[in-house]
Amino acid sequence: MLKKIVIITVSIAATAYLLLALFYLNAPPASPKCKGLEINISDNGTQVLSSKSIEQYLKSKGFRFKDTPMEKISSIEIEKALKKISIIEECECYKTHKDLISISISCKKPLIHVFDQTGEYYLDEKGNRIKSIESAIYLPVASGEIKNEETVRGLIKIAQYLEDDRFWREQTEQIHVTPRQEIVLVPRIGNHLIELGKADNIEEKLSKLKEFY
């Protein structure tokens, strides 16, 4: 009788062992934990965005990285969150074989600093609005009543011209837009104003004026 009980007990134990072994053999491996962030920013050397601010922004949105299982971190959700930052042109997020979250960002290039009836912002070369930038960089300042896309395109055209022409870049204090959507340059030197009218034939107008100066 005792021998029979021992045999049954051993059989049950062996069966339980086999079931447990099968369970652990078939169980998926534990997800590796994230070791941190790897952030690369392309901003044409303007330093308009920093890796530190990106990390702080993502943390404020509830993302956690260090020691978080990699499977619980969504690259797609990170990209969606970053694309809401107005200075960012494009971004890509992926997981590396070193258990890092790698983020590559390209930034818009601020071209002009605007103060108008709607507030303060920046414009890039495509006329896109940028809410803010981190670093203090020289940009032409525009003010006045900027009411339509044609005026925005004119401001961009002038800002690009000033970027390429050192004389006018150093000579121009401010770009002002009148209620009639005409453009006036405010020089750094002198008490006069330069009335350009519409932003067409900018190079011809300013070249003639440069000769006069």
N, C-alpha and C. Protein backbone atom coordinates (compact mmCIF):
# COMPACT_ATOMS: atom_id res chain seq x y z
N MET A 1 0.83 -1.22 0.00
CA MET A 1 0.00 0.00 0.00
C MET A 1 0.87 1.27 0.00
N LEU A 2 1.87 1.24 0.88
CA LEU A 2 2.78 2.39 0.96
C LEU A 2 3.53 2.59 -0.34
N LYS A 3 3.92 1.43 -0.93
CA LYS A 3 4.65 1.51 -2.20
C LYS A 3 3.78 2.12 -3.29
N LYS A 4 2.50 1.78 -3.28
CA LYS A 4 1.56 2.32 -4.27
C LYS A 4 1.40 3.83 -4.10
N ILE A 5 1.33 4.28 -2.85
CA ILE A 5 1.19 5.72 -2.56
C ILE A 5 2.42 6.47 -3.05
N VAL A 6 3.59 5.90 -2.80
CA VAL A 6 4.85 6.54 -3.23
C VAL A 6 4.88 6.66 -4.75
N ILE A 7 4.46 5.58 -5.44
CA ILE A 7 4.47 5.59 -6.90
C ILE A 7 3.53 6.67 -7.43
N ILE A 8 2.33 6.77 -6.83
CA ILE A 8 1.35 7.78 -7.26
C ILE A 8 1.90 9.19 -7.01
N THR A 9 2.51 9.38 -5.84
CA THR A 9 3.06 10.71 -5.49
C THR A 9 4.17 11.10 -6.45
N VAL A 10 5.05 10.16 -6.77
CA VAL A 10 6.14 10.43 -7.70
C VAL A 10 5.60 10.74 -9.09
N SER A 11 4.55 10.03 -9.50
CA SER A 11 3.95 10.27 -10.82
C SER A 11 3.34 11.66 -10.90
N ILE A 12 2.64 12.02 -9.83
CA ILE A 12 2.02 13.36 -9.81
C ILE A 12 3.10 14.44 -9.84
N ALA A 13 4.16 14.23 -9.06
CA ALA A 13 5.25 15.21 -9.01
C ALA A 13 5.93 15.32 -10.37
N ALA A 14 6.13 14.17 -11.02
CA ALA A 14 6.78 14.18 -12.34
C ALA A 14 5.91 14.88 -13.37
N THR A 15 4.60 14.61 -13.29
CA THR A 15 3.67 15.26 -14.22
C THR A 15 3.66 16.78 -14.01
N ALA A 16 3.62 17.17 -12.74
CA ALA A 16 3.64 18.60 -12.42
C ALA A 16 4.93 19.26 -12.92
N TYR A 17 6.05 18.54 -12.74
CA TYR A 17 7.34 19.06 -13.20
C TYR A 17 7.35 19.24 -14.72
N LEU A 18 6.82 18.24 -15.43
CA LEU A 18 6.78 18.32 -16.89
C LEU A 18 5.90 19.47 -17.36
N LEU A 19 4.75 19.64 -16.70
CA LEU A 19 3.85 20.75 -17.07
C LEU A 19 4.52 22.10 -16.83
N LEU A 20 5.19 22.23 -15.68
CA LEU A 20 5.89 23.49 -15.38
C LEU A 20 7.02 23.73 -16.38
N ALA A 21 7.73 22.66 -16.70
CA ALA A 21 8.84 22.80 -17.66
C ALA A 21 8.33 23.24 -19.02
N LEU A 22 7.22 22.64 -19.46
CA LEU A 22 6.63 23.02 -20.74
C LEU A 22 6.16 24.47 -20.72
N PHE A 23 5.61 24.89 -19.57
CA PHE A 23 5.12 26.27 -19.45
C PHE A 23 6.27 27.27 -19.58
N TYR A 24 7.36 27.01 -18.88
CA TYR A 24 8.48 27.94 -18.92
C TYR A 24 9.22 27.91 -20.24
N LEU A 25 9.24 26.74 -20.88
CA LEU A 25 9.89 26.65 -22.18
C LEU A 25 9.13 27.41 -23.25
N ASN A 26 7.79 27.40 -23.14
CA ASN A 26 6.95 28.06 -24.15
C ASN A 26 6.65 29.52 -23.80
N ALA A 27 6.96 29.94 -22.57
CA ALA A 27 6.67 31.32 -22.17
C ALA A 27 7.58 32.28 -22.94
N PRO A 28 7.03 33.41 -23.40
CA PRO A 28 7.85 34.38 -24.14
C PRO A 28 8.93 34.97 -23.25
N PRO A 29 10.09 35.28 -23.81
CA PRO A 29 11.17 35.86 -23.00
C PRO A 29 10.76 37.24 -22.47
N ALA A 30 11.29 37.59 -21.32
CA ALA A 30 10.97 38.89 -20.72
C ALA A 30 11.47 40.02 -21.61
N SER A 31 10.65 41.07 -21.74
CA SER A 31 11.03 42.21 -22.57
C SER A 31 12.23 42.93 -21.96
N PRO A 32 13.24 43.24 -22.78
CA PRO A 32 14.38 44.00 -22.24
C PRO A 32 13.93 45.39 -21.80
N LYS A 33 14.67 45.95 -20.87
CA LYS A 33 14.32 47.27 -20.36
C LYS A 33 15.11 48.36 -21.07
N CYS A 34 14.45 49.49 -21.23
CA CYS A 34 15.06 50.63 -21.93
C CYS A 34 16.23 51.18 -21.13
N LYS A 35 17.31 51.47 -21.82
CA LYS A 35 18.51 52.02 -21.17
C LYS A 35 18.60 53.54 -21.30
N GLY A 36 17.68 54.15 -22.05
CA GLY A 36 17.70 55.60 -22.16
C GLY A 36 17.37 56.09 -23.56
N LEU A 37 17.56 57.39 -23.76
CA LEU A 37 17.25 58.06 -25.03
C LEU A 37 18.52 58.39 -25.80
N GLU A 38 18.38 58.37 -27.12
CA GLU A 38 19.45 58.80 -28.02
C GLU A 38 18.80 59.79 -28.99
N ILE A 39 19.14 61.09 -28.84
CA ILE A 39 18.46 62.14 -29.61
C ILE A 39 19.44 62.85 -30.53
N ASN A 40 19.09 62.90 -31.81
CA ASN A 40 19.91 63.60 -32.81
C ASN A 40 19.06 64.71 -33.45
N ILE A 41 19.58 65.94 -33.42
CA ILE A 41 18.83 67.08 -33.93
C ILE A 41 19.59 67.76 -35.05
N SER A 42 18.93 67.94 -36.18
CA SER A 42 19.49 68.67 -37.32
C SER A 42 18.77 70.01 -37.42
N ASP A 43 19.51 71.11 -37.15
CA ASP A 43 18.87 72.43 -37.11
C ASP A 43 19.69 73.50 -37.83
N ASN A 44 20.52 73.09 -38.80
CA ASN A 44 21.34 74.03 -39.58
C ASN A 44 22.28 74.85 -38.70
N GLY A 45 22.66 74.30 -37.55
CA GLY A 45 23.60 74.99 -36.67
C GLY A 45 23.00 76.14 -35.88
N THR A 46 21.68 76.31 -35.91
CA THR A 46 21.05 77.44 -35.23
C THR A 46 20.78 77.17 -33.75
N GLN A 47 20.83 75.91 -33.34
CA GLN A 47 20.58 75.52 -31.95
C GLN A 47 19.23 76.02 -31.46
N VAL A 48 18.21 75.86 -32.31
CA VAL A 48 16.87 76.30 -31.95
C VAL A 48 16.15 75.29 -31.06
N LEU A 49 16.73 74.12 -30.88
CA LEU A 49 16.12 73.06 -30.08
C LEU A 49 17.22 72.22 -29.46
N SER A 50 17.04 71.78 -28.21
CA SER A 50 18.06 70.99 -27.54
C SER A 50 17.52 69.61 -27.17
N SER A 51 18.45 68.67 -27.02
CA SER A 51 18.07 67.31 -26.62
C SER A 51 17.42 67.31 -25.24
N LYS A 52 17.93 68.17 -24.36
CA LYS A 52 17.40 68.23 -23.00
C LYS A 52 15.94 68.67 -23.01
N SER A 53 15.60 69.66 -23.84
CA SER A 53 14.22 70.14 -23.88
C SER A 53 13.29 69.08 -24.47
N ILE A 54 13.79 68.29 -25.43
CA ILE A 54 12.99 67.21 -26.00
C ILE A 54 12.69 66.16 -24.94
N GLU A 55 13.70 65.79 -24.17
CA GLU A 55 13.52 64.79 -23.11
C GLU A 55 12.53 65.29 -22.07
N GLN A 56 12.65 66.56 -21.67
CA GLN A 56 11.74 67.14 -20.68
C GLN A 56 10.31 67.20 -21.22
N TYR A 57 10.18 67.55 -22.50
CA TYR A 57 8.86 67.62 -23.13
C TYR A 57 8.19 66.24 -23.12
N LEU A 58 8.92 65.20 -23.50
CA LEU A 58 8.34 63.85 -23.54
C LEU A 58 7.95 63.37 -22.14
N LYS A 59 8.77 63.69 -21.15
CA LYS A 59 8.42 63.32 -19.77
C LYS A 59 7.16 64.03 -19.31
N SER A 60 7.00 65.30 -19.74
CA SER A 60 5.79 66.05 -19.36
C SER A 60 4.53 65.47 -20.00
N LYS A 61 4.73 64.73 -21.10
CA LYS A 61 3.60 64.09 -21.79
C LYS A 61 3.36 62.67 -21.29
N GLY A 62 4.09 62.27 -20.24
CA GLY A 62 3.84 60.98 -19.62
C GLY A 62 4.71 59.84 -20.11
N PHE A 63 5.67 60.10 -20.99
CA PHE A 63 6.55 59.04 -21.47
C PHE A 63 7.64 58.77 -20.43
N ARG A 64 7.92 57.49 -20.21
CA ARG A 64 8.98 57.07 -19.31
C ARG A 64 9.90 56.12 -20.07
N PHE A 65 11.18 56.26 -19.87
CA PHE A 65 12.14 55.49 -20.66
C PHE A 65 13.05 54.61 -19.82
N LYS A 66 13.87 55.17 -18.98
CA LYS A 66 14.85 54.40 -18.21
C LYS A 66 14.18 53.28 -17.42
N ASP A 67 14.60 52.03 -17.67
CA ASP A 67 14.13 50.83 -16.97
C ASP A 67 12.69 50.44 -17.30
N THR A 68 12.09 51.11 -18.28
CA THR A 68 10.75 50.71 -18.74
C THR A 68 10.89 49.60 -19.78
N PRO A 69 10.07 48.52 -19.69
CA PRO A 69 10.15 47.47 -20.72
C PRO A 69 9.99 48.06 -22.12
N MET A 70 10.85 47.66 -23.02
CA MET A 70 10.83 48.22 -24.37
C MET A 70 9.49 48.02 -25.07
N GLU A 71 8.83 46.89 -24.78
CA GLU A 71 7.56 46.60 -25.44
C GLU A 71 6.45 47.57 -25.04
N LYS A 72 6.64 48.26 -23.91
CA LYS A 72 5.63 49.21 -23.44
C LYS A 72 5.86 50.64 -23.98
N ILE A 73 6.92 50.83 -24.74
CA ILE A 73 7.23 52.15 -25.31
C ILE A 73 6.83 52.16 -26.78
N SER A 74 5.97 53.10 -27.14
CA SER A 74 5.46 53.18 -28.52
C SER A 74 6.20 54.26 -29.31
N SER A 75 6.93 53.83 -30.33
CA SER A 75 7.65 54.78 -31.20
C SER A 75 6.66 55.68 -31.94
N ILE A 76 5.53 55.13 -32.34
CA ILE A 76 4.53 55.90 -33.09
C ILE A 76 3.96 57.02 -32.23
N GLU A 77 3.65 56.70 -30.95
CA GLU A 77 3.09 57.72 -30.06
C GLU A 77 4.11 58.82 -29.76
N ILE A 78 5.38 58.46 -29.68
CA ILE A 78 6.44 59.45 -29.45
C ILE A 78 6.51 60.41 -30.65
N GLU A 79 6.46 59.87 -31.86
CA GLU A 79 6.49 60.70 -33.07
C GLU A 79 5.29 61.64 -33.11
N LYS A 80 4.11 61.13 -32.77
CA LYS A 80 2.91 61.97 -32.77
C LYS A 80 3.05 63.14 -31.80
N ALA A 81 3.61 62.86 -30.62
CA ALA A 81 3.79 63.91 -29.61
C ALA A 81 4.79 64.96 -30.08
N LEU A 82 5.88 64.53 -30.70
CA LEU A 82 6.92 65.47 -31.12
C LEU A 82 6.47 66.33 -32.29
N LYS A 83 5.63 65.79 -33.15
CA LYS A 83 5.16 66.55 -34.32
C LYS A 83 4.26 67.72 -33.94
N LYS A 84 3.85 67.78 -32.67
CA LYS A 84 3.04 68.90 -32.19
C LYS A 84 3.91 70.12 -31.84
N ILE A 85 5.23 69.92 -31.80
CA ILE A 85 6.15 71.05 -31.53
C ILE A 85 6.36 71.80 -32.84
N SER A 86 6.03 73.08 -32.86
CA SER A 86 5.98 73.83 -34.11
C SER A 86 7.33 73.98 -34.81
N ILE A 87 8.43 73.92 -34.08
CA ILE A 87 9.75 74.08 -34.69
C ILE A 87 10.20 72.82 -35.43
N ILE A 88 9.56 71.69 -35.15
CA ILE A 88 9.98 70.42 -35.74
C ILE A 88 9.38 70.24 -37.13
N GLU A 89 10.25 69.99 -38.10
CA GLU A 89 9.83 69.74 -39.47
C GLU A 89 9.48 68.26 -39.67
N GLU A 90 10.42 67.39 -39.27
CA GLU A 90 10.22 65.95 -39.39
C GLU A 90 10.87 65.27 -38.19
N CYS A 91 10.34 64.09 -37.82
CA CYS A 91 10.97 63.31 -36.77
C CYS A 91 10.74 61.82 -37.01
N GLU A 92 11.70 61.04 -36.54
CA GLU A 92 11.61 59.58 -36.67
C GLU A 92 12.08 58.96 -35.36
N CYS A 93 11.32 57.99 -34.88
CA CYS A 93 11.65 57.33 -33.62
C CYS A 93 11.70 55.81 -33.83
N TYR A 94 12.73 55.16 -33.30
CA TYR A 94 12.81 53.70 -33.42
C TYR A 94 13.63 53.14 -32.25
N LYS A 95 13.51 51.82 -32.06
CA LYS A 95 14.22 51.13 -30.98
C LYS A 95 15.50 50.50 -31.53
N THR A 96 16.60 50.64 -30.82
CA THR A 96 17.88 50.11 -31.28
C THR A 96 18.17 48.75 -30.63
N HIS A 97 19.15 48.05 -31.20
CA HIS A 97 19.54 46.75 -30.65
C HIS A 97 20.26 46.90 -29.30
N LYS A 98 20.62 48.13 -28.96
CA LYS A 98 21.25 48.39 -27.66
C LYS A 98 20.22 48.76 -26.60
N ASP A 99 18.94 48.55 -26.92
CA ASP A 99 17.83 48.85 -26.00
C ASP A 99 17.74 50.35 -25.68
N LEU A 100 17.99 51.16 -26.69
CA LEU A 100 17.82 52.61 -26.59
C LEU A 100 16.65 53.04 -27.47
N ILE A 101 16.01 54.14 -27.09
CA ILE A 101 15.02 54.77 -27.96
C ILE A 101 15.74 55.87 -28.72
N SER A 102 15.85 55.70 -30.03
CA SER A 102 16.57 56.67 -30.86
C SER A 102 15.59 57.60 -31.55
N ILE A 103 15.83 58.91 -31.43
CA ILE A 103 14.95 59.92 -32.02
C ILE A 103 15.79 60.83 -32.92
N SER A 104 15.40 60.93 -34.18
CA SER A 104 16.06 61.83 -35.13
C SER A 104 15.09 62.95 -35.49
N ILE A 105 15.55 64.20 -35.37
CA ILE A 105 14.69 65.37 -35.58
C ILE A 105 15.34 66.33 -36.56
N SER A 106 14.56 66.85 -37.49
CA SER A 106 15.02 67.95 -38.34
C SER A 106 14.11 69.14 -38.06
N CYS A 107 14.73 70.31 -37.93
CA CYS A 107 13.98 71.51 -37.52
C CYS A 107 13.72 72.45 -38.69
N LYS A 108 12.66 73.21 -38.56
CA LYS A 108 12.40 74.30 -39.50
C LYS A 108 13.44 75.40 -39.25
N LYS A 109 13.69 76.18 -40.26
CA LYS A 109 14.68 77.25 -40.14
C LYS A 109 13.96 78.59 -39.96
N PRO A 110 14.01 79.18 -38.76
CA PRO A 110 13.38 80.49 -38.56
C PRO A 110 14.04 81.54 -39.45
N LEU A 111 13.22 82.35 -40.11
CA LEU A 111 13.77 83.34 -41.04
C LEU A 111 13.45 84.76 -40.62
N ILE A 112 12.34 84.92 -39.89
CA ILE A 112 11.92 86.27 -39.52
C ILE A 112 11.13 86.21 -38.20
N HIS A 113 11.34 87.22 -37.35
CA HIS A 113 10.68 87.32 -36.05
C HIS A 113 9.54 88.33 -36.16
N VAL A 114 8.33 87.87 -35.92
CA VAL A 114 7.15 88.71 -36.18
C VAL A 114 6.44 89.13 -34.90
N PHE A 115 6.07 90.42 -34.86
CA PHE A 115 5.20 90.95 -33.82
C PHE A 115 4.02 91.61 -34.55
N ASP A 116 2.84 91.02 -34.47
CA ASP A 116 1.70 91.63 -35.15
C ASP A 116 0.47 91.60 -34.26
N GLN A 117 -0.70 91.82 -34.84
CA GLN A 117 -1.93 91.92 -34.07
C GLN A 117 -2.32 90.61 -33.40
N THR A 118 -1.75 89.50 -33.85
CA THR A 118 -2.08 88.19 -33.26
C THR A 118 -1.09 87.77 -32.18
N GLY A 119 0.03 88.48 -32.06
CA GLY A 119 1.02 88.13 -31.06
C GLY A 119 2.43 88.06 -31.60
N GLU A 120 3.27 87.23 -30.96
CA GLU A 120 4.67 87.07 -31.34
C GLU A 120 4.91 85.66 -31.85
N TYR A 121 5.62 85.54 -32.95
CA TYR A 121 5.94 84.22 -33.51
C TYR A 121 7.07 84.37 -34.53
N TYR A 122 7.46 83.26 -35.12
CA TYR A 122 8.50 83.25 -36.15
C TYR A 122 7.93 82.64 -37.43
N LEU A 123 8.56 82.95 -38.55
CA LEU A 123 8.19 82.35 -39.82
C LEU A 123 9.40 81.66 -40.43
N ASP A 124 9.18 80.46 -41.01
CA ASP A 124 10.27 79.81 -41.73
C ASP A 124 10.18 80.18 -43.20
N GLU A 125 11.06 79.62 -44.01
CA GLU A 125 11.13 79.99 -45.43
C GLU A 125 9.90 79.59 -46.23
N LYS A 126 9.07 78.70 -45.66
CA LYS A 126 7.84 78.30 -46.33
C LYS A 126 6.63 79.08 -45.83
N GLY A 127 6.86 79.98 -44.88
CA GLY A 127 5.77 80.76 -44.32
C GLY A 127 5.06 80.06 -43.17
N ASN A 128 5.62 78.94 -42.69
CA ASN A 128 5.03 78.23 -41.55
C ASN A 128 5.31 79.00 -40.26
N ARG A 129 4.32 79.03 -39.37
CA ARG A 129 4.51 79.69 -38.09
C ARG A 129 5.26 78.79 -37.11
N ILE A 130 6.15 79.41 -36.37
CA ILE A 130 6.89 78.73 -35.30
C ILE A 130 6.61 79.52 -34.03
N LYS A 131 6.12 78.85 -33.01
CA LYS A 131 5.71 79.56 -31.80
C LYS A 131 6.88 80.15 -31.04
N SER A 132 7.96 79.37 -30.92
CA SER A 132 9.10 79.87 -30.15
C SER A 132 10.37 79.12 -30.54
N ILE A 133 11.51 79.70 -30.20
CA ILE A 133 12.81 79.03 -30.39
C ILE A 133 13.59 79.19 -29.10
N GLU A 134 14.56 78.31 -28.89
CA GLU A 134 15.29 78.30 -27.62
C GLU A 134 16.45 79.30 -27.58
N SER A 135 17.14 79.43 -28.68
CA SER A 135 18.36 80.25 -28.66
C SER A 135 18.11 81.66 -29.19
N ALA A 136 18.96 82.56 -28.77
CA ALA A 136 18.88 83.94 -29.25
C ALA A 136 19.71 84.06 -30.52
N ILE A 137 19.06 84.15 -31.68
CA ILE A 137 19.77 84.29 -32.95
C ILE A 137 19.27 85.56 -33.65
N TYR A 138 20.15 86.14 -34.48
CA TYR A 138 19.74 87.34 -35.20
C TYR A 138 18.74 86.98 -36.29
N LEU A 139 17.60 87.68 -36.27
CA LEU A 139 16.61 87.54 -37.33
C LEU A 139 16.01 88.91 -37.58
N PRO A 140 15.63 89.21 -38.83
CA PRO A 140 14.92 90.45 -39.09
C PRO A 140 13.61 90.48 -38.30
N VAL A 141 13.24 91.66 -37.84
CA VAL A 141 12.01 91.81 -37.06
C VAL A 141 10.95 92.46 -37.94
N ALA A 142 9.76 91.87 -37.96
CA ALA A 142 8.64 92.44 -38.72
C ALA A 142 7.51 92.79 -37.76
N SER A 143 6.82 93.88 -38.08
CA SER A 143 5.70 94.31 -37.24
C SER A 143 4.60 94.87 -38.13
N GLY A 144 3.49 95.23 -37.51
CA GLY A 144 2.40 95.85 -38.26
C GLY A 144 1.21 94.93 -38.43
N GLU A 145 0.46 95.15 -39.48
CA GLU A 145 -0.78 94.42 -39.73
C GLU A 145 -0.59 93.42 -40.87
N ILE A 146 -0.21 92.22 -40.49
CA ILE A 146 0.06 91.18 -41.48
C ILE A 146 -1.22 90.35 -41.64
N LYS A 147 -1.95 90.62 -42.73
CA LYS A 147 -3.30 90.10 -42.83
C LYS A 147 -3.51 89.00 -43.86
N ASN A 148 -2.59 88.82 -44.79
CA ASN A 148 -2.84 87.82 -45.82
C ASN A 148 -1.57 87.08 -46.24
N GLU A 149 -1.76 86.03 -47.02
CA GLU A 149 -0.64 85.19 -47.44
C GLU A 149 0.32 85.92 -48.37
N GLU A 150 -0.21 86.82 -49.17
CA GLU A 150 0.64 87.58 -50.09
C GLU A 150 1.66 88.41 -49.32
N THR A 151 1.19 89.01 -48.22
CA THR A 151 2.10 89.81 -47.38
C THR A 151 3.14 88.93 -46.71
N VAL A 152 2.71 87.75 -46.26
CA VAL A 152 3.66 86.81 -45.64
C VAL A 152 4.73 86.41 -46.64
N ARG A 153 4.33 86.11 -47.87
CA ARG A 153 5.30 85.74 -48.91
C ARG A 153 6.26 86.89 -49.18
N GLY A 154 5.74 88.13 -49.14
CA GLY A 154 6.59 89.30 -49.33
C GLY A 154 7.61 89.45 -48.22
N LEU A 155 7.18 89.20 -46.97
CA LEU A 155 8.10 89.29 -45.83
C LEU A 155 9.20 88.23 -45.94
N ILE A 156 8.81 87.03 -46.36
CA ILE A 156 9.80 85.96 -46.52
C ILE A 156 10.81 86.33 -47.59
N LYS A 157 10.33 86.90 -48.68
CA LYS A 157 11.20 87.30 -49.79
C LYS A 157 12.22 88.34 -49.31
N ILE A 158 11.74 89.31 -48.54
CA ILE A 158 12.63 90.36 -48.03
C ILE A 158 13.63 89.79 -47.03
N ALA A 159 13.15 88.92 -46.14
CA ALA A 159 14.02 88.31 -45.14
C ALA A 159 15.13 87.49 -45.81
N GLN A 160 14.78 86.78 -46.86
CA GLN A 160 15.79 86.00 -47.60
C GLN A 160 16.81 86.92 -48.26
N TYR A 161 16.33 88.06 -48.78
CA TYR A 161 17.24 89.02 -49.40
C TYR A 161 18.20 89.60 -48.36
N LEU A 162 17.66 89.93 -47.18
CA LEU A 162 18.50 90.47 -46.11
C LEU A 162 19.53 89.45 -45.64
N GLU A 163 19.14 88.19 -45.64
CA GLU A 163 20.05 87.12 -45.22
C GLU A 163 21.26 87.03 -46.15
N ASP A 164 21.03 87.31 -47.43
CA ASP A 164 22.09 87.18 -48.44
C ASP A 164 22.89 88.47 -48.65
N ASP A 165 22.33 89.60 -48.23
CA ASP A 165 22.98 90.89 -48.47
C ASP A 165 23.42 91.51 -47.14
N ARG A 166 24.71 91.49 -46.90
CA ARG A 166 25.23 91.96 -45.61
C ARG A 166 24.93 93.44 -45.38
N PHE A 167 25.06 94.24 -46.43
CA PHE A 167 24.84 95.68 -46.26
C PHE A 167 23.44 95.95 -45.73
N TRP A 168 22.42 95.39 -46.41
CA TRP A 168 21.04 95.66 -46.00
C TRP A 168 20.67 94.94 -44.71
N ARG A 169 21.32 93.82 -44.46
CA ARG A 169 21.08 93.12 -43.18
C ARG A 169 21.51 93.99 -42.02
N GLU A 170 22.67 94.64 -42.15
CA GLU A 170 23.18 95.49 -41.07
C GLU A 170 22.48 96.84 -41.03
N GLN A 171 21.94 97.26 -42.15
CA GLN A 171 21.32 98.58 -42.24
C GLN A 171 19.86 98.56 -41.77
N THR A 172 19.21 97.41 -41.84
CA THR A 172 17.78 97.34 -41.56
C THR A 172 17.48 97.07 -40.09
N GLU A 173 16.75 97.96 -39.48
CA GLU A 173 16.35 97.82 -38.08
C GLU A 173 15.06 97.00 -37.95
N GLN A 174 14.12 97.26 -38.86
CA GLN A 174 12.80 96.63 -38.74
C GLN A 174 12.07 96.66 -40.07
N ILE A 175 11.18 95.69 -40.26
CA ILE A 175 10.29 95.66 -41.43
C ILE A 175 8.88 95.91 -40.92
N HIS A 176 8.22 96.92 -41.45
CA HIS A 176 6.88 97.24 -40.97
C HIS A 176 5.85 97.09 -42.10
N VAL A 177 4.69 96.53 -41.74
CA VAL A 177 3.61 96.35 -42.71
C VAL A 177 2.49 97.33 -42.37
N THR A 178 2.12 98.16 -43.33
CA THR A 178 1.08 99.17 -43.12
C THR A 178 -0.30 98.53 -43.23
N PRO A 179 -1.35 99.25 -42.82
CA PRO A 179 -2.71 98.73 -42.97
C PRO A 179 -3.06 98.41 -44.43
N ARG A 180 -2.40 99.06 -45.38
CA ARG A 180 -2.64 98.79 -46.80
C ARG A 180 -1.79 97.62 -47.31
N GLN A 181 -1.14 96.93 -46.39
CA GLN A 181 -0.30 95.77 -46.71
C GLN A 181 0.92 96.14 -47.57
N GLU A 182 1.40 97.37 -47.38
CA GLU A 182 2.62 97.79 -48.04
C GLU A 182 3.76 97.72 -47.03
N ILE A 183 4.97 97.52 -47.54
CA ILE A 183 6.12 97.25 -46.67
C ILE A 183 7.03 98.47 -46.58
N VAL A 184 7.41 98.77 -45.34
CA VAL A 184 8.31 99.89 -45.06
C VAL A 184 9.50 99.36 -44.27
N LEU A 185 10.70 99.72 -44.71
CA LEU A 185 11.91 99.37 -43.96
C LEU A 185 12.30 100.52 -43.04
N VAL A 186 12.65 100.16 -41.81
CA VAL A 186 13.12 101.15 -40.85
C VAL A 186 14.63 100.99 -40.72
N PRO A 187 15.44 101.95 -41.22
CA PRO A 187 16.90 101.81 -41.18
C PRO A 187 17.46 102.01 -39.78
N ARG A 188 18.63 101.47 -39.53
CA ARG A 188 19.31 101.66 -38.25
C ARG A 188 19.88 103.08 -38.14
N ILE A 189 20.27 103.65 -39.29
CA ILE A 189 20.90 104.97 -39.30
C ILE A 189 19.99 105.97 -39.99
N GLY A 190 19.79 107.12 -39.37
CA GLY A 190 18.97 108.16 -39.98
C GLY A 190 17.54 108.15 -39.46
N ASN A 191 16.82 109.23 -39.78
CA ASN A 191 15.43 109.38 -39.31
C ASN A 191 14.41 109.12 -40.42
N HIS A 192 14.84 108.61 -41.54
CA HIS A 192 13.95 108.39 -42.67
C HIS A 192 13.40 106.95 -42.68
N LEU A 193 12.39 106.72 -43.50
CA LEU A 193 11.83 105.40 -43.72
C LEU A 193 11.97 105.04 -45.20
N ILE A 194 12.06 103.77 -45.49
CA ILE A 194 12.17 103.30 -46.87
C ILE A 194 10.86 102.62 -47.26
N GLU A 195 10.09 103.27 -48.09
CA GLU A 195 8.79 102.73 -48.49
C GLU A 195 8.97 101.86 -49.74
N LEU A 196 8.85 100.56 -49.54
CA LEU A 196 9.04 99.62 -50.65
C LEU A 196 7.74 99.33 -51.41
N GLY A 197 6.62 99.58 -50.76
CA GLY A 197 5.34 99.22 -51.39
C GLY A 197 5.17 97.71 -51.32
N LYS A 198 4.76 97.10 -52.41
CA LYS A 198 4.64 95.65 -52.47
C LYS A 198 6.02 95.02 -52.59
N ALA A 199 6.12 93.78 -52.14
CA ALA A 199 7.43 93.11 -52.13
C ALA A 199 7.76 92.47 -53.47
N ASP A 200 7.78 93.30 -54.50
CA ASP A 200 8.20 92.82 -55.82
C ASP A 200 9.41 93.63 -56.28
N ASN A 201 10.24 93.02 -57.09
CA ASN A 201 11.47 93.68 -57.58
C ASN A 201 12.32 94.21 -56.43
N ILE A 202 12.40 93.43 -55.35
CA ILE A 202 13.13 93.86 -54.16
C ILE A 202 14.60 94.15 -54.48
N GLU A 203 15.22 93.25 -55.22
CA GLU A 203 16.63 93.40 -55.52
C GLU A 203 16.89 94.68 -56.31
N GLU A 204 16.04 94.97 -57.30
CA GLU A 204 16.20 96.17 -58.11
C GLU A 204 16.02 97.44 -57.28
N LYS A 205 14.97 97.44 -56.46
CA LYS A 205 14.68 98.62 -55.62
C LYS A 205 15.82 98.90 -54.65
N LEU A 206 16.27 97.88 -53.97
CA LEU A 206 17.31 98.09 -52.94
C LEU A 206 18.70 98.31 -53.55
N SER A 207 18.93 97.76 -54.71
CA SER A 207 20.22 97.99 -55.39
C SER A 207 20.37 99.46 -55.76
N LYS A 208 19.29 100.06 -56.30
CA LYS A 208 19.31 101.47 -56.64
C LYS A 208 19.51 102.34 -55.42
N LEU A 209 18.82 101.96 -54.34
CA LEU A 209 18.92 102.72 -53.11
C LEU A 209 20.32 102.60 -52.50
N LYS A 210 20.92 101.42 -52.67
CA LYS A 210 22.28 101.21 -52.15
C LYS A 210 23.27 102.12 -52.83
N GLU A 211 23.10 102.33 -54.13
CA GLU A 211 23.95 103.25 -54.88
C GLU A 211 23.80 104.66 -54.34
N PHE A 212 22.57 105.02 -54.00
CA PHE A 212 22.31 106.35 -53.44
C PHE A 212 23.03 106.53 -52.11
N TYR A 213 22.98 105.48 -51.26
CA TYR A 213 23.67 105.52 -49.97
C TYR A 213 25.17 105.71 -50.17
